[in-house]
Amino acid sequence: MSSNILKQHAGIRAAALAAMIPFVFAIAGPAEARIKCVNGNQIVNGSPIATPYCQDELVANVARGYGLKVSAATIRNNPNVKRDVCRHIGRDNRIFIACIDSNSVGRRPF
């Protein structure tokens, strides 16, 4: 008889534990997985590293400052949009380096 009571008690404990698991994860919250960009540099372990992702975000931010309606995702996914934006505002010192590859046309005459 005592073994039946122990089995019931263990079953109740397991059910209570299973019911608490979602609440524990809800309290903990989601992990922060967003890329952090500062002035065209990705922050990795506290150090800034120039990455194409953050450079494209910087180009989009500067373009919006000039009144162009363009998103960072559009700049990343469409090289023609980036080329057009860089053609218009690529001489701005903030994005000059980010626009070098999109403005190059290969070998230039002397």
PDB file of N, CA and C in Angstrom:
ATOM      1  N   MET A   1       0.790  -1.172   0.000  1.00  0.00           N
ATOM      2  CA  MET A   1       0.000   0.000   0.000  1.00  0.00           C
ATOM      3  C   MET A   1       0.853   1.267   0.000  1.00  0.00           C
ATOM      4  N   SER A   2       1.961   1.253   0.732  1.00  0.00           N
ATOM      5  CA  SER A   2       2.814   2.426   0.778  1.00  0.00           C
ATOM      6  C   SER A   2       3.506   2.680  -0.563  1.00  0.00           C
ATOM      7  N   SER A   3       3.722   1.612  -1.323  1.00  0.00           N
ATOM      8  CA  SER A   3       4.331   1.820  -2.642  1.00  0.00           C
ATOM      9  C   SER A   3       3.361   2.533  -3.582  1.00  0.00           C
ATOM     10  N   ASN A   4       2.057   2.275  -3.458  1.00  0.00           N
ATOM     11  CA  ASN A   4       1.074   2.989  -4.267  1.00  0.00           C
ATOM     12  C   ASN A   4       1.050   4.476  -3.924  1.00  0.00           C
ATOM     13  N   ILE A   5       1.157   4.773  -2.650  1.00  0.00           N
ATOM     14  CA  ILE A   5       1.167   6.173  -2.212  1.00  0.00           C
ATOM     15  C   ILE A   5       2.404   6.876  -2.747  1.00  0.00           C
ATOM     16  N   LEU A   6       3.554   6.199  -2.696  1.00  0.00           N
ATOM     17  CA  LEU A   6       4.786   6.788  -3.221  1.00  0.00           C
ATOM     18  C   LEU A   6       4.694   7.028  -4.727  1.00  0.00           C
ATOM     19  N   LYS A   7       4.098   6.090  -5.455  1.00  0.00           N
ATOM     20  CA  LYS A   7       3.938   6.265  -6.896  1.00  0.00           C
ATOM     21  C   LYS A   7       3.025   7.446  -7.199  1.00  0.00           C
ATOM     22  N   GLN A   8       1.936   7.588  -6.434  1.00  0.00           N
ATOM     23  CA  GLN A   8       1.024   8.707  -6.649  1.00  0.00           C
ATOM     24  C   GLN A   8       1.719  10.024  -6.317  1.00  0.00           C
ATOM     25  N   HIS A   9       2.479  10.021  -5.250  1.00  0.00           N
ATOM     26  CA  HIS A   9       3.189  11.229  -4.822  1.00  0.00           C
ATOM     27  C   HIS A   9       4.227  11.638  -5.883  1.00  0.00           C
ATOM     28  N   ALA A  10       4.943  10.663  -6.435  1.00  0.00           N
ATOM     29  CA  ALA A  10       5.934  10.947  -7.477  1.00  0.00           C
ATOM     30  C   ALA A  10       5.250  11.460  -8.737  1.00  0.00           C
ATOM     31  N   GLY A  11       4.083  10.905  -9.070  1.00  0.00           N
ATOM     32  CA  GLY A  11       3.340  11.355 -10.240  1.00  0.00           C
ATOM     33  C   GLY A  11       2.865  12.790 -10.087  1.00  0.00           C
ATOM     34  N   ILE A  12       2.437  13.147  -8.884  1.00  0.00           N
ATOM     35  CA  ILE A  12       1.989  14.517  -8.620  1.00  0.00           C
ATOM     36  C   ILE A  12       3.163  15.477  -8.708  1.00  0.00           C
ATOM     37  N   ARG A  13       4.300  15.089  -8.171  1.00  0.00           N
ATOM     38  CA  ARG A  13       5.495  15.923  -8.252  1.00  0.00           C
ATOM     39  C   ARG A  13       5.943  16.129  -9.696  1.00  0.00           C
ATOM     40  N   ALA A  14       5.920  15.079 -10.496  1.00  0.00           N
ATOM     41  CA  ALA A  14       6.320  15.181 -11.901  1.00  0.00           C
ATOM     42  C   ALA A  14       5.363  16.083 -12.670  1.00  0.00           C
ATOM     43  N   ALA A  15       4.068  15.979 -12.388  1.00  0.00           N
ATOM     44  CA  ALA A  15       3.080  16.825 -13.060  1.00  0.00           C
ATOM     45  C   ALA A  15       3.271  18.286 -12.669  1.00  0.00           C
ATOM     46  N   ALA A  16       3.551  18.532 -11.398  1.00  0.00           N
ATOM     47  CA  ALA A  16       3.774  19.906 -10.941  1.00  0.00           C
ATOM     48  C   ALA A  16       5.032  20.489 -11.583  1.00  0.00           C
ATOM     49  N   LEU A  17       6.063  19.680 -11.683  1.00  0.00           N
ATOM     50  CA  LEU A  17       7.303  20.135 -12.309  1.00  0.00           C
ATOM     51  C   LEU A  17       7.095  20.439 -13.788  1.00  0.00           C
ATOM     52  N   ALA A  18       6.363  19.577 -14.467  1.00  0.00           N
ATOM     53  CA  ALA A  18       6.090  19.791 -15.889  1.00  0.00           C
ATOM     54  C   ALA A  18       5.247  21.044 -16.100  1.00  0.00           C
ATOM     55  N   ALA A  19       4.361  21.349 -15.182  1.00  0.00           N
ATOM     56  CA  ALA A  19       3.535  22.549 -15.290  1.00  0.00           C
ATOM     57  C   ALA A  19       4.347  23.816 -15.034  1.00  0.00           C
ATOM     58  N   MET A  20       5.411  23.725 -14.253  1.00  0.00           N
ATOM     59  CA  MET A  20       6.213  24.901 -13.921  1.00  0.00           C
ATOM     60  C   MET A  20       7.235  25.247 -14.985  1.00  0.00           C
ATOM     61  N   ILE A  21       7.624  24.316 -15.839  1.00  0.00           N
ATOM     62  CA  ILE A  21       8.685  24.558 -16.826  1.00  0.00           C
ATOM     63  C   ILE A  21       8.388  25.745 -17.736  1.00  0.00           C
ATOM     64  N   PRO A  22       7.191  25.872 -18.335  1.00  0.00           N
ATOM     65  CA  PRO A  22       6.946  27.044 -19.196  1.00  0.00           C
ATOM     66  C   PRO A  22       7.074  28.365 -18.444  1.00  0.00           C
ATOM     67  N   PHE A  23       6.675  28.392 -17.175  1.00  0.00           N
ATOM     68  CA  PHE A  23       6.773  29.623 -16.408  1.00  0.00           C
ATOM     69  C   PHE A  23       8.219  30.006 -16.129  1.00  0.00           C
ATOM     70  N   VAL A  24       9.055  29.025 -15.908  1.00  0.00           N
ATOM     71  CA  VAL A  24      10.476  29.300 -15.675  1.00  0.00           C
ATOM     72  C   VAL A  24      11.102  29.927 -16.917  1.00  0.00           C
ATOM     73  N   PHE A  25      10.782  29.398 -18.093  1.00  0.00           N
ATOM     74  CA  PHE A  25      11.338  29.959 -19.322  1.00  0.00           C
ATOM     75  C   PHE A  25      10.745  31.325 -19.626  1.00  0.00           C
ATOM     76  N   ALA A  26       9.491  31.562 -19.267  1.00  0.00           N
ATOM     77  CA  ALA A  26       8.864  32.864 -19.503  1.00  0.00           C
ATOM     78  C   ALA A  26       9.507  33.932 -18.636  1.00  0.00           C
ATOM     79  N   ILE A  27       9.857  33.580 -17.416  1.00  0.00           N
ATOM     80  CA  ILE A  27      10.499  34.536 -16.519  1.00  0.00           C
ATOM     81  C   ILE A  27      11.904  34.851 -16.999  1.00  0.00           C
ATOM     82  N   ALA A  28      12.626  33.853 -17.495  1.00  0.00           N
ATOM     83  CA  ALA A  28      14.002  34.056 -17.945  1.00  0.00           C
ATOM     84  C   ALA A  28      14.061  34.997 -19.136  1.00  0.00           C
ATOM     85  N   GLY A  29      13.072  34.959 -20.029  1.00  0.00           N
ATOM     86  CA  GLY A  29      13.034  35.851 -21.180  1.00  0.00           C
ATOM     87  C   GLY A  29      13.883  35.330 -22.314  1.00  0.00           C
ATOM     88  N   PRO A  30      13.693  35.918 -23.480  1.00  0.00           N
ATOM     89  CA  PRO A  30      14.447  35.471 -24.645  1.00  0.00           C
ATOM     90  C   PRO A  30      15.896  35.949 -24.594  1.00  0.00           C
ATOM     91  N   ALA A  31      16.761  35.206 -25.244  1.00  0.00           N
ATOM     92  CA  ALA A  31      18.170  35.602 -25.325  1.00  0.00           C
ATOM     93  C   ALA A  31      18.311  36.717 -26.353  1.00  0.00           C
ATOM     94  N   GLU A  32      19.216  37.628 -26.109  1.00  0.00           N
ATOM     95  CA  GLU A  32      19.453  38.745 -27.023  1.00  0.00           C
ATOM     96  C   GLU A  32      20.378  38.270 -28.136  1.00  0.00           C
ATOM     97  N   ALA A  33      19.830  38.147 -29.345  1.00  0.00           N
ATOM     98  CA  ALA A  33      20.611  37.623 -30.462  1.00  0.00           C
ATOM     99  C   ALA A  33      20.768  38.659 -31.568  1.00  0.00           C
ATOM    100  N   ARG A  34      20.407  39.891 -31.320  1.00  0.00           N
ATOM    101  CA  ARG A  34      20.466  40.921 -32.346  1.00  0.00           C
ATOM    102  C   ARG A  34      21.893  41.402 -32.514  1.00  0.00           C
ATOM    103  N   ILE A  35      22.275  41.652 -33.756  1.00  0.00           N
ATOM    104  CA  ILE A  35      23.603  42.187 -34.045  1.00  0.00           C
ATOM    105  C   ILE A  35      23.603  43.657 -33.663  1.00  0.00           C
ATOM    106  N   LYS A  36      24.599  44.081 -32.916  1.00  0.00           N
ATOM    107  CA  LYS A  36      24.697  45.473 -32.494  1.00  0.00           C
ATOM    108  C   LYS A  36      25.714  46.186 -33.367  1.00  0.00           C
ATOM    109  N   CYS A  37      25.250  47.227 -34.057  1.00  0.00           N
ATOM    110  CA  CYS A  37      26.112  48.009 -34.940  1.00  0.00           C
ATOM    111  C   CYS A  37      26.291  49.414 -34.383  1.00  0.00           C
ATOM    112  N   VAL A  38      27.516  49.915 -34.426  1.00  0.00           N
ATOM    113  CA  VAL A  38      27.819  51.277 -34.014  1.00  0.00           C
ATOM    114  C   VAL A  38      28.714  51.889 -35.091  1.00  0.00           C
ATOM    115  N   ASN A  39      28.203  52.889 -35.793  1.00  0.00           N
ATOM    116  CA  ASN A  39      28.945  53.597 -36.841  1.00  0.00           C
ATOM    117  C   ASN A  39      29.532  52.653 -37.887  1.00  0.00           C
ATOM    118  N   GLY A  40      28.773  51.683 -38.312  1.00  0.00           N
ATOM    119  CA  GLY A  40      29.222  50.767 -39.354  1.00  0.00           C
ATOM    120  C   GLY A  40      30.085  49.625 -38.867  1.00  0.00           C
ATOM    121  N   ASN A  41      30.261  49.515 -37.564  1.00  0.00           N
ATOM    122  CA  ASN A  41      31.072  48.446 -36.988  1.00  0.00           C
ATOM    123  C   ASN A  41      30.200  47.567 -36.109  1.00  0.00           C
ATOM    124  N   GLN A  42      30.416  46.260 -36.191  1.00  0.00           N
ATOM    125  CA  GLN A  42      29.708  45.318 -35.340  1.00  0.00           C
ATOM    126  C   GLN A  42      30.475  45.183 -34.033  1.00  0.00           C
ATOM    127  N   ILE A  43      29.753  45.219 -32.916  1.00  0.00           N
ATOM    128  CA  ILE A  43      30.387  45.071 -31.612  1.00  0.00           C
ATOM    129  C   ILE A  43      30.422  43.589 -31.264  1.00  0.00           C
ATOM    130  N   VAL A  44      31.634  43.035 -31.184  1.00  0.00           N
ATOM    131  CA  VAL A  44      31.835  41.625 -30.861  1.00  0.00           C
ATOM    132  C   VAL A  44      32.739  41.561 -29.637  1.00  0.00           C
ATOM    133  N   ASN A  45      32.200  41.030 -28.556  1.00  0.00           N
ATOM    134  CA  ASN A  45      32.932  40.952 -27.283  1.00  0.00           C
ATOM    135  C   ASN A  45      33.491  42.308 -26.868  1.00  0.00           C
ATOM    136  N   GLY A  46      32.733  43.362 -27.129  1.00  0.00           N
ATOM    137  CA  GLY A  46      33.128  44.706 -26.731  1.00  0.00           C
ATOM    138  C   GLY A  46      34.054  45.413 -27.706  1.00  0.00           C
ATOM    139  N   SER A  47      34.469  44.752 -28.772  1.00  0.00           N
ATOM    140  CA  SER A  47      35.380  45.359 -29.738  1.00  0.00           C
ATOM    141  C   SER A  47      34.653  45.626 -31.051  1.00  0.00           C
ATOM    142  N   PRO A  48      34.887  46.803 -31.663  1.00  0.00           N
ATOM    143  CA  PRO A  48      34.251  47.091 -32.951  1.00  0.00           C
ATOM    144  C   PRO A  48      34.980  46.398 -34.098  1.00  0.00           C
ATOM    145  N   ILE A  49      34.202  45.732 -34.962  1.00  0.00           N
ATOM    146  CA  ILE A  49      34.752  45.053 -36.134  1.00  0.00           C
ATOM    147  C   ILE A  49      33.924  45.487 -37.333  1.00  0.00           C
ATOM    148  N   ALA A  50      34.579  45.948 -38.385  1.00  0.00           N
ATOM    149  CA  ALA A  50      33.868  46.362 -39.596  1.00  0.00           C
ATOM    150  C   ALA A  50      33.323  45.129 -40.303  1.00  0.00           C
ATOM    151  N   THR A  51      32.010  45.088 -40.489  1.00  0.00           N
ATOM    152  CA  THR A  51      31.367  43.974 -41.191  1.00  0.00           C
ATOM    153  C   THR A  51      30.471  44.534 -42.292  1.00  0.00           C
ATOM    154  N   PRO A  52      30.290  43.787 -43.372  1.00  0.00           N
ATOM    155  CA  PRO A  52      29.405  44.265 -44.449  1.00  0.00           C
ATOM    156  C   PRO A  52      27.981  44.508 -43.962  1.00  0.00           C
ATOM    157  N   TYR A  53      27.500  43.705 -43.039  1.00  0.00           N
ATOM    158  CA  TYR A  53      26.143  43.878 -42.518  1.00  0.00           C
ATOM    159  C   TYR A  53      25.976  45.265 -41.897  1.00  0.00           C
ATOM    160  N   CYS A  54      26.894  45.637 -41.023  1.00  0.00           N
ATOM    161  CA  CYS A  54      26.807  46.931 -40.346  1.00  0.00           C
ATOM    162  C   CYS A  54      27.132  48.083 -41.294  1.00  0.00           C
ATOM    163  N   GLN A  55      28.004  47.860 -42.250  1.00  0.00           N
ATOM    164  CA  GLN A  55      28.301  48.899 -43.243  1.00  0.00           C
ATOM    165  C   GLN A  55      27.052  49.226 -44.060  1.00  0.00           C
ATOM    166  N   ASP A  56      26.295  48.199 -44.442  1.00  0.00           N
ATOM    167  CA  ASP A  56      25.066  48.428 -45.196  1.00  0.00           C
ATOM    168  C   ASP A  56      24.027  49.154 -44.351  1.00  0.00           C
ATOM    169  N   GLU A  57      23.979  48.856 -43.074  1.00  0.00           N
ATOM    170  CA  GLU A  57      23.063  49.559 -42.190  1.00  0.00           C
ATOM    171  C   GLU A  57      23.448  51.029 -42.079  1.00  0.00           C
ATOM    172  N   LEU A  58      24.736  51.316 -42.021  1.00  0.00           N
ATOM    173  CA  LEU A  58      25.207  52.689 -41.972  1.00  0.00           C
ATOM    174  C   LEU A  58      24.857  53.431 -43.257  1.00  0.00           C
ATOM    175  N   VAL A  59      25.032  52.785 -44.412  1.00  0.00           N
ATOM    176  CA  VAL A  59      24.682  53.404 -45.694  1.00  0.00           C
ATOM    177  C   VAL A  59      23.200  53.759 -45.704  1.00  0.00           C
ATOM    178  N   ALA A  60      22.350  52.868 -45.233  1.00  0.00           N
ATOM    179  CA  ALA A  60      20.913  53.132 -45.202  1.00  0.00           C
ATOM    180  C   ALA A  60      20.581  54.285 -44.260  1.00  0.00           C
ATOM    181  N   ASN A  61      21.229  54.337 -43.102  1.00  0.00           N
ATOM    182  CA  ASN A  61      20.970  55.430 -42.155  1.00  0.00           C
ATOM    183  C   ASN A  61      21.375  56.782 -42.733  1.00  0.00           C
ATOM    184  N   VAL A  62      22.529  56.845 -43.365  1.00  0.00           N
ATOM    185  CA  VAL A  62      22.982  58.098 -43.965  1.00  0.00           C
ATOM    186  C   VAL A  62      22.073  58.488 -45.130  1.00  0.00           C
ATOM    187  N   ALA A  63      21.649  57.510 -45.925  1.00  0.00           N
ATOM    188  CA  ALA A  63      20.758  57.787 -47.052  1.00  0.00           C
ATOM    189  C   ALA A  63      19.428  58.356 -46.553  1.00  0.00           C
ATOM    190  N   ARG A  64      18.918  57.808 -45.459  1.00  0.00           N
ATOM    191  CA  ARG A  64      17.675  58.357 -44.907  1.00  0.00           C
ATOM    192  C   ARG A  64      17.886  59.781 -44.414  1.00  0.00           C
ATOM    193  N   GLY A  65      19.073  60.089 -43.931  1.00  0.00           N
ATOM    194  CA  GLY A  65      19.384  61.456 -43.524  1.00  0.00           C
ATOM    195  C   GLY A  65      19.359  62.425 -44.697  1.00  0.00           C
ATOM    196  N   TYR A  66      19.667  61.939 -45.879  1.00  0.00           N
ATOM    197  CA  TYR A  66      19.614  62.756 -47.089  1.00  0.00           C
ATOM    198  C   TYR A  66      18.215  62.775 -47.705  1.00  0.00           C
ATOM    199  N   GLY A  67      17.270  62.059 -47.109  1.00  0.00           N
ATOM    200  CA  GLY A  67      15.904  62.059 -47.599  1.00  0.00           C
ATOM    201  C   GLY A  67      15.539  60.897 -48.505  1.00  0.00           C
ATOM    202  N   LEU A  68      16.452  59.962 -48.723  1.00  0.00           N
ATOM    203  CA  LEU A  68      16.146  58.789 -49.536  1.00  0.00           C
ATOM    204  C   LEU A  68      15.401  57.772 -48.681  1.00  0.00           C
ATOM    205  N   LYS A  69      14.363  57.183 -49.235  1.00  0.00           N
ATOM    206  CA  LYS A  69      13.571  56.192 -48.493  1.00  0.00           C
ATOM    207  C   LYS A  69      14.076  54.803 -48.849  1.00  0.00           C
ATOM    208  N   VAL A  70      14.994  54.322 -48.039  1.00  0.00           N
ATOM    209  CA  VAL A  70      15.615  53.021 -48.286  1.00  0.00           C
ATOM    210  C   VAL A  70      15.881  52.341 -46.943  1.00  0.00           C
ATOM    211  N   SER A  71      15.718  51.029 -46.909  1.00  0.00           N
ATOM    212  CA  SER A  71      15.968  50.286 -45.670  1.00  0.00           C
ATOM    213  C   SER A  71      17.311  49.565 -45.761  1.00  0.00           C
ATOM    214  N   ALA A  72      17.813  49.166 -44.607  1.00  0.00           N
ATOM    215  CA  ALA A  72      19.084  48.434 -44.574  1.00  0.00           C
ATOM    216  C   ALA A  72      18.935  47.084 -45.264  1.00  0.00           C
ATOM    217  N   ALA A  73      17.768  46.443 -45.135  1.00  0.00           N
ATOM    218  CA  ALA A  73      17.545  45.147 -45.787  1.00  0.00           C
ATOM    219  C   ALA A  73      17.567  45.302 -47.304  1.00  0.00           C
ATOM    220  N   THR A  74      17.025  46.390 -47.813  1.00  0.00           N
ATOM    221  CA  THR A  74      17.048  46.626 -49.257  1.00  0.00           C
ATOM    222  C   THR A  74      18.473  46.843 -49.741  1.00  0.00           C
ATOM    223  N   ILE A  75      19.254  47.580 -48.985  1.00  0.00           N
ATOM    224  CA  ILE A  75      20.666  47.812 -49.347  1.00  0.00           C
ATOM    225  C   ILE A  75      21.412  46.484 -49.373  1.00  0.00           C
ATOM    226  N   ARG A  76      21.175  45.624 -48.374  1.00  0.00           N
ATOM    227  CA  ARG A  76      21.871  44.330 -48.292  1.00  0.00           C
ATOM    228  C   ARG A  76      21.454  43.383 -49.407  1.00  0.00           C
ATOM    229  N   ASN A  77      20.169  43.362 -49.744  1.00  0.00           N
ATOM    230  CA  ASN A  77      19.648  42.351 -50.659  1.00  0.00           C
ATOM    231  C   ASN A  77      19.636  42.766 -52.122  1.00  0.00           C
ATOM    232  N   ASN A  78      19.841  44.034 -52.421  1.00  0.00           N
ATOM    233  CA  ASN A  78      19.794  44.492 -53.801  1.00  0.00           C
ATOM    234  C   ASN A  78      21.022  45.350 -54.107  1.00  0.00           C
ATOM    235  N   PRO A  79      22.034  44.786 -54.753  1.00  0.00           N
ATOM    236  CA  PRO A  79      23.259  45.547 -55.025  1.00  0.00           C
ATOM    237  C   PRO A  79      23.019  46.750 -55.932  1.00  0.00           C
ATOM    238  N   ASN A  80      21.991  46.705 -56.770  1.00  0.00           N
ATOM    239  CA  ASN A  80      21.709  47.854 -57.632  1.00  0.00           C
ATOM    240  C   ASN A  80      21.219  49.050 -56.827  1.00  0.00           C
ATOM    241  N   VAL A  81      20.429  48.804 -55.789  1.00  0.00           N
ATOM    242  CA  VAL A  81      19.980  49.902 -54.930  1.00  0.00           C
ATOM    243  C   VAL A  81      21.171  50.497 -54.201  1.00  0.00           C
ATOM    244  N   LYS A  82      22.053  49.652 -53.692  1.00  0.00           N
ATOM    245  CA  LYS A  82      23.242  50.161 -53.006  1.00  0.00           C
ATOM    246  C   LYS A  82      24.100  50.978 -53.958  1.00  0.00           C
ATOM    247  N   ARG A  83      24.258  50.512 -55.187  1.00  0.00           N
ATOM    248  CA  ARG A  83      25.048  51.249 -56.169  1.00  0.00           C
ATOM    249  C   ARG A  83      24.421  52.610 -56.443  1.00  0.00           C
ATOM    250  N   ASP A  84      23.087  52.677 -56.589  1.00  0.00           N
ATOM    251  CA  ASP A  84      22.418  53.947 -56.843  1.00  0.00           C
ATOM    252  C   ASP A  84      22.551  54.901 -55.660  1.00  0.00           C
ATOM    253  N   VAL A  85      22.373  54.364 -54.453  1.00  0.00           N
ATOM    254  CA  VAL A  85      22.509  55.204 -53.259  1.00  0.00           C
ATOM    255  C   VAL A  85      23.935  55.718 -53.148  1.00  0.00           C
ATOM    256  N   CYS A  86      24.904  54.852 -53.377  1.00  0.00           N
ATOM    257  CA  CYS A  86      26.310  55.262 -53.285  1.00  0.00           C
ATOM    258  C   CYS A  86      26.674  56.254 -54.393  1.00  0.00           C
ATOM    259  N   ARG A  87      26.045  56.143 -55.518  1.00  0.00           N
ATOM    260  CA  ARG A  87      26.306  57.094 -56.594  1.00  0.00           C
ATOM    261  C   ARG A  87      25.847  58.494 -56.187  1.00  0.00           C
ATOM    262  N   HIS A  88      24.730  58.554 -55.469  1.00  0.00           N
ATOM    263  CA  HIS A  88      24.183  59.859 -55.072  1.00  0.00           C
ATOM    264  C   HIS A  88      24.877  60.448 -53.855  1.00  0.00           C
ATOM    265  N   ILE A  89      25.177  59.640 -52.858  1.00  0.00           N
ATOM    266  CA  ILE A  89      25.720  60.194 -51.606  1.00  0.00           C
ATOM    267  C   ILE A  89      27.031  59.547 -51.193  1.00  0.00           C
ATOM    268  N   GLY A  90      27.684  58.813 -52.066  1.00  0.00           N
ATOM    269  CA  GLY A  90      28.879  58.042 -51.720  1.00  0.00           C
ATOM    270  C   GLY A  90      30.094  58.855 -51.349  1.00  0.00           C
ATOM    271  N   ARG A  91      30.078  60.152 -51.628  1.00  0.00           N
ATOM    272  CA  ARG A  91      31.232  60.991 -51.267  1.00  0.00           C
ATOM    273  C   ARG A  91      31.165  61.495 -49.831  1.00  0.00           C
ATOM    274  N   ASP A  92      30.073  61.166 -49.140  1.00  0.00           N
ATOM    275  CA  ASP A  92      29.956  61.509 -47.720  1.00  0.00           C
ATOM    276  C   ASP A  92      31.023  60.727 -46.961  1.00  0.00           C
ATOM    277  N   ASN A  93      31.773  61.402 -46.105  1.00  0.00           N
ATOM    278  CA  ASN A  93      32.885  60.761 -45.395  1.00  0.00           C
ATOM    279  C   ASN A  93      32.447  59.597 -44.512  1.00  0.00           C
ATOM    280  N   ARG A  94      31.209  59.606 -44.038  1.00  0.00           N
ATOM    281  CA  ARG A  94      30.740  58.542 -43.143  1.00  0.00           C
ATOM    282  C   ARG A  94      30.615  57.213 -43.872  1.00  0.00           C
ATOM    283  N   ILE A  95      30.317  57.247 -45.181  1.00  0.00           N
ATOM    284  CA  ILE A  95      30.079  55.995 -45.914  1.00  0.00           C
ATOM    285  C   ILE A  95      31.005  55.814 -47.102  1.00  0.00           C
ATOM    286  N   PHE A  96      32.013  56.623 -47.209  1.00  0.00           N
ATOM    287  CA  PHE A  96      32.921  56.539 -48.355  1.00  0.00           C
ATOM    288  C   PHE A  96      33.522  55.141 -48.489  1.00  0.00           C
ATOM    289  N   ILE A  97      34.004  54.578 -47.394  1.00  0.00           N
ATOM    290  CA  ILE A  97      34.618  53.241 -47.428  1.00  0.00           C
ATOM    291  C   ILE A  97      33.577  52.172 -47.753  1.00  0.00           C
ATOM    292  N   ALA A  98      32.368  52.297 -47.205  1.00  0.00           N
ATOM    293  CA  ALA A  98      31.325  51.304 -47.453  1.00  0.00           C
ATOM    294  C   ALA A  98      30.887  51.301 -48.912  1.00  0.00           C
ATOM    295  N   CYS A  99      31.073  52.424 -49.600  1.00  0.00           N
ATOM    296  CA  CYS A  99      30.624  52.536 -50.988  1.00  0.00           C
ATOM    297  C   CYS A  99      31.737  52.301 -52.019  1.00  0.00           C
ATOM    298  N   ILE A 100      32.949  52.050 -51.592  1.00  0.00           N
ATOM    299  CA  ILE A 100      34.055  51.885 -52.547  1.00  0.00           C
ATOM    300  C   ILE A 100      33.783  50.738 -53.513  1.00  0.00           C
ATOM    301  N   ASP A 101      33.383  49.566 -53.015  1.00  0.00           N
ATOM    302  CA  ASP A 101      33.176  48.413 -53.898  1.00  0.00           C
ATOM    303  C   ASP A 101      31.999  48.592 -54.835  1.00  0.00           C
ATOM    304  N   SER A 102      30.962  49.258 -54.397  1.00  0.00           N
ATOM    305  CA  SER A 102      29.793  49.393 -55.260  1.00  0.00           C
ATOM    306  C   SER A 102      29.985  50.471 -56.320  1.00  0.00           C
ATOM    307  N   ASN A 103      30.946  51.370 -56.134  1.00  0.00           N
ATOM    308  CA  ASN A 103      31.204  52.405 -57.141  1.00  0.00           C
ATOM    309  C   ASN A 103      32.316  52.035 -58.100  1.00  0.00           C
ATOM    310  N   SER A 104      33.054  50.982 -57.818  1.00  0.00           N
ATOM    311  CA  SER A 104      34.168  50.647 -58.689  1.00  0.00           C
ATOM    312  C   SER A 104      33.647  49.981 -59.972  1.00  0.00           C
ATOM    313  N   VAL A 105      34.244  50.319 -61.064  1.00  0.00           N
ATOM    314  CA  VAL A 105      33.839  49.745 -62.358  1.00  0.00           C
ATOM    315  C   VAL A 105      34.969  48.942 -62.979  1.00  0.00           C
ATOM    316  N   GLY A 106      35.905  48.543 -62.176  1.00  0.00           N
ATOM    317  CA  GLY A 106      37.023  47.770 -62.710  1.00  0.00           C
ATOM    318  C   GLY A 106      38.217  48.665 -62.969  1.00  0.00           C
ATOM    319  N   ARG A 107      38.943  48.381 -64.041  1.00  0.00           N
ATOM    320  CA  ARG A 107      40.151  49.116 -64.360  1.00  0.00           C
ATOM    321  C   ARG A 107      39.827  50.494 -64.877  1.00  0.00           C
ATOM    322  N   ARG A 108      40.482  51.493 -64.358  1.00  0.00           N
ATOM    323  CA  ARG A 108      40.210  52.878 -64.747  1.00  0.00           C
ATOM    324  C   ARG A 108      41.328  53.384 -65.654  1.00  0.00           C
ATOM    325  N   PRO A 109      40.992  54.271 -66.562  1.00  0.00           N
ATOM    326  CA  PRO A 109      42.023  54.814 -67.452  1.00  0.00           C
ATOM    327  C   PRO A 109      42.980  55.724 -66.692  1.00  0.00           C
ATOM    328  N   PHE A 110      44.149  55.927 -67.249  1.00  0.00           N
ATOM    329  CA  PHE A 110      45.161  56.790 -66.609  1.00  0.00           C
ATOM    330  C   PHE A 110      44.787  58.242 -66.737  1.00  0.00           C
TER     331      PHE A 110
END
